[in-house]
Structure formats: structure tokens, C-alpha cells
Amino acid sequence: MHQFTPGPTPIILAIDDLRALPRATRIARTSRDGAQLLQEHRDAFIDELWLDHDLGGDDSIMPVVTLLEEAAFHGRPFHIGTVYVHSANPIGAETVVRSLSHWKYHVRRAAAQ
């Protein structure tokens, strides 16, 4: 009888100030912590990256988007399966989708889980 051997645990990162996102293996609540979280996984394959646009107060996801864009610009994009944008801010979400799609990241709009 053949036994199923599970593969490595997927890396699912989220940057969101409020949502629980139970599928996420790590959650950052600010753009600063989000950028640090991505840097910690710089050389790993990130299966999913969940991004919220508005992160409370004056904070937004845009510093993280800039980090991702600059990495791609310099020829070292982050290795991400899919970036999910799950913001309640439609204009902000569309800005993130457009910006990251331009740099060939696989981006989808999604409802937060």
C-alpha cells in the first residue's frame, strides 16, 4: 500500500492590520513589519502573499509594493506563487494589482478568507 507523504508546509504570508486570515503562516500588521517579513523570506518560495491596502491610520501597503517593484526592477523579484489583494478600498486595491502585474507578479483580487 502506498502512503501519502505530505510536502513541505506552504508559506502563506499576509499583511493586514485587522483580519485573522487563518490560512496564513505569518501575519504582519504594518507596512514596516510586512517589509521585514518579506525580507525574512527573501530566498524562499512564498506560495501566497495576501495584501490589504489600508493598514490603519496613515499606513498603507504601498511601501511593501515598492519593495516588490524595486526587487523586480533590479532583476531579483521575490518568488511568489500568487499575490492576493483583499482590500475593501477598490481604488487602492486596483493600484496594487496594476503595479505588481506590471512587474510580472501573478496577482488576483480576492475576498479575505
C-alpha atoms as a PDB file:
ATOM      1  CA  MET A   1       0.000   0.000   0.000  1.00  0.00           C
ATOM      2  CA  HIS A   2       1.327   3.426  -0.963  1.00  0.00           C
ATOM      3  CA  GLN A   3       1.447   6.004   1.841  1.00  0.00           C
ATOM      4  CA  PHE A   4       0.872   9.672   1.144  1.00  0.00           C
ATOM      5  CA  THR A   5       3.785  11.812   2.316  1.00  0.00           C
ATOM      6  CA  PRO A   6       2.845  15.449   2.742  1.00  0.00           C
ATOM      7  CA  GLY A   7       5.126  18.004   1.145  1.00  0.00           C
ATOM      8  CA  PRO A   8       6.620  20.939   2.951  1.00  0.00           C
ATOM      9  CA  THR A   9       4.215  23.319   4.647  1.00  0.00           C
ATOM     10  CA  PRO A  10       3.329  26.101   2.215  1.00  0.00           C
ATOM     11  CA  ILE A  11       4.500  29.596   3.091  1.00  0.00           C
ATOM     12  CA  ILE A  12       1.470  31.881   3.192  1.00  0.00           C
ATOM     13  CA  LEU A  13       2.257  35.435   4.272  1.00  0.00           C
ATOM     14  CA  ALA A  14      -0.283  38.161   4.972  1.00  0.00           C
ATOM     15  CA  ILE A  15      -0.007  41.879   5.570  1.00  0.00           C
ATOM     16  CA  ASP A  16      -3.251  43.118   7.082  1.00  0.00           C
ATOM     17  CA  ASP A  17      -3.984  45.316  10.089  1.00  0.00           C
ATOM     18  CA  LEU A  18      -7.212  43.608  11.204  1.00  0.00           C
ATOM     19  CA  ARG A  19      -8.132  40.311   9.584  1.00  0.00           C
ATOM     20  CA  ALA A  20      -7.241  36.971  11.178  1.00  0.00           C
ATOM     21  CA  LEU A  21      -6.511  35.182   7.858  1.00  0.00           C
ATOM     22  CA  PRO A  22      -6.321  31.684   9.388  1.00  0.00           C
ATOM     23  CA  ARG A  23      -4.550  30.135   6.367  1.00  0.00           C
ATOM     24  CA  ALA A  24      -1.579  32.481   6.798  1.00  0.00           C
ATOM     25  CA  THR A  25       1.566  31.018   8.324  1.00  0.00           C
ATOM     26  CA  ARG A  26       2.732  34.538   9.312  1.00  0.00           C
ATOM     27  CA  ILE A  27       0.886  37.883   9.537  1.00  0.00           C
ATOM     28  CA  ALA A  28       2.334  41.385   9.674  1.00  0.00           C
ATOM     29  CA  ARG A  29       0.103  44.229  10.841  1.00  0.00           C
ATOM     30  CA  THR A  30       2.031  47.249   9.451  1.00  0.00           C
ATOM     31  CA  SER A  31       3.845  48.015   6.200  1.00  0.00           C
ATOM     32  CA  ARG A  32       7.134  48.191   8.100  1.00  0.00           C
ATOM     33  CA  ASP A  33       6.614  44.732   9.636  1.00  0.00           C
ATOM     34  CA  GLY A  34       5.396  43.481   6.253  1.00  0.00           C
ATOM     35  CA  ALA A  35       8.577  44.604   4.504  1.00  0.00           C
ATOM     36  CA  GLN A  36      10.621  42.911   7.229  1.00  0.00           C
ATOM     37  CA  LEU A  37       8.550  39.726   6.873  1.00  0.00           C
ATOM     38  CA  LEU A  38       9.218  39.638   3.139  1.00  0.00           C
ATOM     39  CA  GLN A  39      12.941  40.190   3.674  1.00  0.00           C
ATOM     40  CA  GLU A  40      12.991  37.245   6.098  1.00  0.00           C
ATOM     41  CA  HIS A  41      11.632  35.105   3.243  1.00  0.00           C
ATOM     42  CA  ARG A  42      13.799  36.721   0.535  1.00  0.00           C
ATOM     43  CA  ASP A  43      15.300  33.494  -0.750  1.00  0.00           C
ATOM     44  CA  ALA A  44      12.304  31.223  -0.149  1.00  0.00           C
ATOM     45  CA  PHE A  45       9.362  30.435  -2.393  1.00  0.00           C
ATOM     46  CA  ILE A  46       6.294  32.190  -0.978  1.00  0.00           C
ATOM     47  CA  ASP A  47       3.231  30.207  -2.028  1.00  0.00           C
ATOM     48  CA  GLU A  48       0.759  33.014  -1.317  1.00  0.00           C
ATOM     49  CA  LEU A  49       1.077  36.643  -0.294  1.00  0.00           C
ATOM     50  CA  TRP A  50      -2.109  38.341   0.952  1.00  0.00           C
ATOM     51  CA  LEU A  51      -2.120  42.147   0.869  1.00  0.00           C
ATOM     52  CA  ASP A  52      -4.577  44.628   2.325  1.00  0.00           C
ATOM     53  CA  HIS A  53      -4.220  48.200   1.035  1.00  0.00           C
ATOM     54  CA  ASP A  54      -5.251  50.223   4.095  1.00  0.00           C
ATOM     55  CA  LEU A  55      -3.266  49.302   7.207  1.00  0.00           C
ATOM     56  CA  GLY A  56      -4.704  51.738   9.739  1.00  0.00           C
ATOM     57  CA  GLY A  57      -4.056  55.440  10.227  1.00  0.00           C
ATOM     58  CA  ASP A  58      -1.767  56.796   7.515  1.00  0.00           C
ATOM     59  CA  ASP A  59      -0.177  53.395   6.844  1.00  0.00           C
ATOM     60  CA  SER A  60      -0.812  51.555   3.581  1.00  0.00           C
ATOM     61  CA  ILE A  61       0.625  48.598   1.692  1.00  0.00           C
ATOM     62  CA  MET A  62       2.435  50.878  -0.781  1.00  0.00           C
ATOM     63  CA  PRO A  63       5.894  50.666   0.884  1.00  0.00           C
ATOM     64  CA  VAL A  64       5.654  46.876   0.514  1.00  0.00           C
ATOM     65  CA  VAL A  65       4.548  47.236  -3.123  1.00  0.00           C
ATOM     66  CA  THR A  66       7.565  49.494  -3.716  1.00  0.00           C
ATOM     67  CA  LEU A  67       9.857  46.849  -2.194  1.00  0.00           C
ATOM     68  CA  LEU A  68       8.422  44.216  -4.552  1.00  0.00           C
ATOM     69  CA  GLU A  69       8.671  46.550  -7.571  1.00  0.00           C
ATOM     70  CA  GLU A  70      12.279  47.522  -6.819  1.00  0.00           C
ATOM     71  CA  ALA A  71      13.279  43.864  -6.432  1.00  0.00           C
ATOM     72  CA  ALA A  72      11.805  43.102  -9.866  1.00  0.00           C
ATOM     73  CA  PHE A  73      13.373  46.229 -11.392  1.00  0.00           C
ATOM     74  CA  HIS A  74      16.808  45.052 -10.224  1.00  0.00           C
ATOM     75  CA  GLY A  75      16.224  41.599 -11.730  1.00  0.00           C
ATOM     76  CA  ARG A  76      15.662  39.805  -8.406  1.00  0.00           C
ATOM     77  CA  PRO A  77      11.887  39.610  -7.984  1.00  0.00           C
ATOM     78  CA  PHE A  78      10.549  37.825  -4.949  1.00  0.00           C
ATOM     79  CA  HIS A  79       9.494  34.243  -5.738  1.00  0.00           C
ATOM     80  CA  ILE A  80       5.757  34.336  -5.070  1.00  0.00           C
ATOM     81  CA  GLY A  81       3.160  31.912  -6.397  1.00  0.00           C
ATOM     82  CA  THR A  82       0.189  34.279  -6.182  1.00  0.00           C
ATOM     83  CA  VAL A  83      -0.321  37.700  -4.638  1.00  0.00           C
ATOM     84  CA  TYR A  84      -3.893  38.146  -3.417  1.00  0.00           C
ATOM     85  CA  VAL A  85      -5.158  41.691  -2.901  1.00  0.00           C
ATOM     86  CA  HIS A  86      -8.091  41.653  -0.491  1.00  0.00           C
ATOM     87  CA  SER A  87      -8.728  45.316   0.275  1.00  0.00           C
ATOM     88  CA  ALA A  88     -12.063  46.996   0.911  1.00  0.00           C
ATOM     89  CA  ASN A  89     -10.548  50.033  -0.854  1.00  0.00           C
ATOM     90  CA  PRO A  90     -11.255  49.397  -4.570  1.00  0.00           C
ATOM     91  CA  ILE A  91      -9.034  52.201  -5.876  1.00  0.00           C
ATOM     92  CA  GLY A  92      -6.133  51.221  -3.627  1.00  0.00           C
ATOM     93  CA  ALA A  93      -6.558  47.555  -4.497  1.00  0.00           C
ATOM     94  CA  GLU A  94      -6.560  48.303  -8.231  1.00  0.00           C
ATOM     95  CA  THR A  95      -3.364  50.355  -7.828  1.00  0.00           C
ATOM     96  CA  VAL A  96      -1.654  47.387  -6.144  1.00  0.00           C
ATOM     97  CA  VAL A  97      -2.881  44.917  -8.783  1.00  0.00           C
ATOM     98  CA  ARG A  98      -1.778  47.161 -11.648  1.00  0.00           C
ATOM     99  CA  SER A  99       1.629  47.950 -10.097  1.00  0.00           C
ATOM    100  CA  LEU A 100       2.559  44.351  -9.316  1.00  0.00           C
ATOM    101  CA  SER A 101       1.132  42.953 -12.560  1.00  0.00           C
ATOM    102  CA  HIS A 102       3.366  45.362 -14.470  1.00  0.00           C
ATOM    103  CA  TRP A 103       6.382  43.625 -12.888  1.00  0.00           C
ATOM    104  CA  LYS A 104       5.050  40.156 -13.820  1.00  0.00           C
ATOM    105  CA  TYR A 105       3.907  39.087 -10.357  1.00  0.00           C
ATOM    106  CA  HIS A 106       0.838  36.813 -10.540  1.00  0.00           C
ATOM    107  CA  VAL A 107      -1.815  38.994  -8.840  1.00  0.00           C
ATOM    108  CA  ARG A 108      -5.505  38.392  -8.169  1.00  0.00           C
ATOM    109  CA  ARG A 109      -8.242  40.333  -6.444  1.00  0.00           C
ATOM    110  CA  ALA A 110      -9.785  38.202  -3.726  1.00  0.00           C
ATOM    111  CA  ALA A 111     -12.135  38.254  -0.772  1.00  0.00           C
ATOM    112  CA  ALA A 112     -10.291  37.911   2.512  1.00  0.00           C
ATOM    113  CA  GLN A 113     -10.537  34.440   3.985  1.00  0.00           C
END
